[in-house]
Protein backbone atom coordinates (compact mmCIF):
# COMPACT_ATOMS: atom_id res chain seq x y z
CA MET A 1 -137.13 82.07 -85.65
CA THR A 2 -136.73 85.76 -84.80
CA MET A 3 -134.76 87.20 -81.91
CA SER A 4 -136.09 89.67 -79.43
CA GLY A 5 -134.35 93.03 -79.00
CA ALA A 6 -132.67 91.85 -75.79
CA GLU A 7 -131.39 88.68 -77.50
CA MET A 8 -130.00 90.72 -80.40
CA LYS A 9 -128.15 93.02 -77.98
CA ARG A 10 -126.62 90.01 -76.20
CA VAL A 11 -125.44 88.53 -79.51
CA ALA A 12 -124.04 91.90 -80.62
CA ALA A 13 -122.20 92.27 -77.31
CA ALA A 14 -120.74 88.80 -77.75
CA VAL A 15 -119.18 89.73 -81.12
CA PRO A 16 -115.58 90.55 -80.33
CA HIS A 17 -114.06 93.87 -81.31
CA GLU A 18 -111.52 91.84 -83.24
CA GLU A 19 -114.17 91.07 -85.86
CA THR A 20 -115.17 94.72 -86.21
CA ASP A 21 -111.54 95.76 -86.57
CA PHE A 22 -110.95 93.02 -89.13
CA VAL A 23 -113.94 94.07 -91.23
CA LYS A 24 -112.82 97.71 -91.11
CA ALA A 25 -109.33 96.72 -92.24
CA VAL A 26 -110.71 94.69 -95.15
CA MET A 27 -113.10 97.48 -96.16
CA GLU A 28 -110.22 99.94 -96.21
CA HIS A 29 -108.74 97.98 -99.12
CA SER A 30 -111.98 96.80 -100.76
CA ASP A 31 -111.76 99.02 -103.86
CA GLN A 32 -108.28 97.83 -104.73
CA LEU A 33 -109.20 94.22 -103.96
CA TYR A 34 -112.23 94.48 -106.24
CA HIS A 35 -110.13 95.88 -109.10
CA ILE A 36 -107.60 93.09 -108.74
CA ALA A 37 -110.31 90.41 -108.66
CA TYR A 38 -112.01 91.96 -111.69
CA SER A 39 -108.73 92.05 -113.63
CA TYR A 40 -108.31 88.31 -112.98
CA LEU A 41 -111.90 87.16 -113.43
CA GLY A 42 -113.36 89.63 -115.91
CA ASN A 43 -116.84 90.08 -114.47
CA ARG A 44 -118.47 91.84 -111.55
CA ASN A 45 -120.26 88.90 -109.95
CA ASP A 46 -117.20 86.66 -109.87
CA ALA A 47 -115.06 89.54 -108.55
CA LEU A 48 -117.52 90.20 -105.72
CA GLU A 49 -117.72 86.49 -104.91
CA ALA A 50 -113.90 86.33 -104.85
CA LEU A 51 -113.88 89.21 -102.36
CA GLN A 52 -116.30 87.34 -100.12
CA GLU A 53 -114.23 84.17 -100.29
CA THR A 54 -111.05 86.14 -99.62
CA THR A 55 -112.57 87.79 -96.57
CA CYS A 56 -113.73 84.42 -95.26
CA ARG A 57 -110.34 82.75 -95.81
CA ALA A 58 -108.50 85.70 -94.29
CA TRP A 59 -110.74 85.64 -91.22
CA MET A 60 -110.17 81.94 -90.73
CA LYS A 61 -106.38 82.33 -91.16
CA ARG A 62 -106.04 85.70 -89.38
CA ARG A 63 -103.91 84.24 -86.63
CA THR A 64 -101.28 83.14 -89.15
CA LEU A 65 -100.47 86.76 -90.04
CA LYS A 66 -97.25 87.47 -88.21
CA ASP A 67 -96.75 91.13 -89.20
CA PRO A 68 -99.87 93.34 -89.01
CA GLN A 69 -98.08 95.86 -91.26
CA ALA A 70 -98.26 93.26 -94.04
CA PHE A 71 -102.06 92.91 -93.79
CA LYS A 72 -102.79 94.46 -97.20
CA SER A 73 -100.25 92.36 -99.14
CA TRP A 74 -101.34 89.25 -97.21
CA LEU A 75 -104.96 89.94 -98.18
CA ILE A 76 -104.07 90.53 -101.84
CA ARG A 77 -102.09 87.28 -101.90
CA ILE A 78 -105.13 85.40 -100.58
CA LEU A 79 -107.29 87.12 -103.22
CA ILE A 80 -104.93 86.08 -106.01
CA TYR A 81 -105.11 82.45 -104.86
CA VAL A 82 -108.92 82.67 -104.74
CA CYS A 83 -108.94 84.06 -108.30
CA ILE A 84 -106.60 81.33 -109.53
CA ASP A 85 -108.87 78.70 -107.93
CA GLU A 86 -111.85 80.22 -109.75
CA GLN A 87 -109.99 80.25 -113.07
CA ARG A 88 -109.15 76.56 -112.62
CA ARG A 89 -112.77 75.80 -111.74
CA ARG A 90 -113.91 77.56 -114.91
CA LYS A 91 -111.60 75.44 -117.05
CA ARG A 92 -113.18 72.28 -115.63
CA ALA A 93 -116.79 73.47 -115.80
CA VAL A 94 -118.92 73.48 -118.91
CA PRO A 95 -121.61 76.17 -118.69
CA THR A 96 -125.18 75.19 -119.42
CA ALA A 97 -127.25 77.09 -121.97
CA ALA A 98 -129.21 78.71 -119.10
CA GLU A 99 -125.98 79.92 -117.43
CA ASN A 100 -124.79 81.40 -120.72
CA MET A 101 -128.09 83.26 -121.07
CA MET A 102 -127.79 84.72 -117.54
CA GLU A 103 -124.35 86.23 -118.19
CA PRO A 104 -124.71 89.93 -118.99
CA VAL A 105 -123.75 91.02 -122.47
CA ILE A 106 -120.72 93.25 -122.33
CA HIS A 107 -119.66 95.05 -125.45
CA ASN A 108 -115.88 94.84 -125.36
CA SER A 109 -113.85 96.03 -128.26
CA THR A 110 -112.16 93.37 -130.32
CA HIS A 111 -108.80 94.71 -129.16
CA THR A 112 -109.79 94.34 -125.48
CA MET A 113 -110.99 90.78 -126.03
CA GLU A 114 -107.79 89.91 -127.90
CA MET A 115 -105.68 91.36 -125.09
CA GLN A 116 -107.62 89.39 -122.46
CA TRP A 117 -107.15 86.22 -124.49
CA ALA A 118 -103.44 86.94 -124.98
CA LEU A 119 -102.92 87.61 -121.26
CA LEU A 120 -104.38 84.19 -120.47
CA GLN A 121 -101.67 82.66 -122.66
CA VAL A 122 -98.82 84.32 -120.71
CA LYS A 123 -97.03 82.22 -118.10
CA LEU A 124 -98.85 82.60 -114.76
CA LYS A 125 -96.09 84.27 -112.72
CA TYR A 126 -95.54 86.81 -115.51
CA ARG A 127 -99.30 87.36 -115.84
CA HIS A 128 -99.51 88.22 -112.12
CA VAL A 129 -96.96 90.98 -112.58
CA LEU A 130 -98.64 92.33 -115.74
CA LEU A 131 -102.12 92.35 -114.20
CA LEU A 132 -100.98 94.00 -110.98
CA LYS A 133 -98.79 96.56 -112.79
CA TYR A 134 -100.90 97.53 -115.79
CA TYR A 135 -104.45 96.79 -114.67
CA ASN A 136 -104.10 97.73 -110.99
CA ASP A 137 -101.44 100.47 -111.12
CA MET A 138 -99.18 98.84 -108.54
CA THR A 139 -95.49 99.68 -108.53
CA LEU A 140 -92.88 96.98 -109.04
CA ALA A 141 -91.76 97.50 -105.43
CA GLU A 142 -95.34 96.87 -104.20
CA ILE A 143 -95.62 93.79 -106.40
CA ALA A 144 -92.29 92.48 -105.07
CA VAL A 145 -93.53 92.79 -101.49
CA LEU A 146 -96.85 91.20 -102.41
CA LEU A 147 -95.28 88.24 -104.20
CA LYS A 148 -92.45 87.96 -101.65
CA LYS A 149 -89.86 88.18 -104.42
CA PRO A 150 -86.89 90.52 -104.93
CA GLU A 151 -87.72 93.59 -106.99
CA GLY A 152 -85.16 92.50 -109.61
CA THR A 153 -87.04 89.23 -110.08
CA VAL A 154 -90.31 91.11 -110.53
CA LYS A 155 -88.67 93.39 -113.13
CA THR A 156 -87.40 90.32 -114.98
CA TRP A 157 -90.86 88.74 -114.88
CA GLN A 158 -92.38 91.98 -116.19
CA HIS A 159 -89.88 92.06 -119.05
CA LYS A 160 -90.39 88.37 -119.92
CA GLY A 161 -94.17 88.71 -119.61
CA LEU A 162 -94.25 91.67 -121.98
CA LYS A 163 -92.00 89.78 -124.38
CA GLN A 164 -94.35 86.76 -124.28
CA LEU A 165 -97.35 89.03 -124.75
CA ARG A 166 -95.75 90.69 -127.79
CA MET A 167 -94.97 87.29 -129.35
CA ILE A 168 -98.49 86.04 -128.72
CA MET A 169 -100.01 89.15 -130.26
CA LYS A 170 -97.55 89.09 -133.17
CA ASN A 171 -98.38 85.45 -133.88
CA ARG A 172 -102.07 86.36 -133.88
CA GLY A 173 -101.34 89.09 -136.42
CA GLU A 174 -102.42 91.80 -133.99
CA TRP A 175 -99.04 93.34 -133.14
CA ASN A 176 -97.26 95.51 -135.68
CA GLU A 177 -93.77 96.42 -134.58
CA GLN A 178 -92.10 99.25 -136.46
């Protein structure tokens, strides 16, 4: 069923400005959101799907945001939860041969693949800090606001996460300390 021009104008007029403002606000942060999703999920399609899901969840929960100044960190927090949900789903799912064939071949260096594997072994709260700091260039102060934790706690998590990462890499024979 197609709409006439007059019907389309009526529907467009019925869309509240709130929605337009919301979409603009999300788009303002879309590059950073994409980079964060990609650092968690490791491929373009899943990162884009996570952005869609994040936007949908944020829209549905928009009235729960008490401080409009915290919109960006609120959105990133939702995105992180979406990414964690996807990672859990992946652990439960067994890909079919056809799904494996559809996945694009990406030529990562062995070092990059080892680092991605090692990061997955790091305790989740430490991994959040490492991904946001080293893959998304966020400051510890920004991460503290995002995670709603004191900056000292975030620094401790960074230190412990790096320590875990070093041990994991050392145990794999990939880390040579001098």
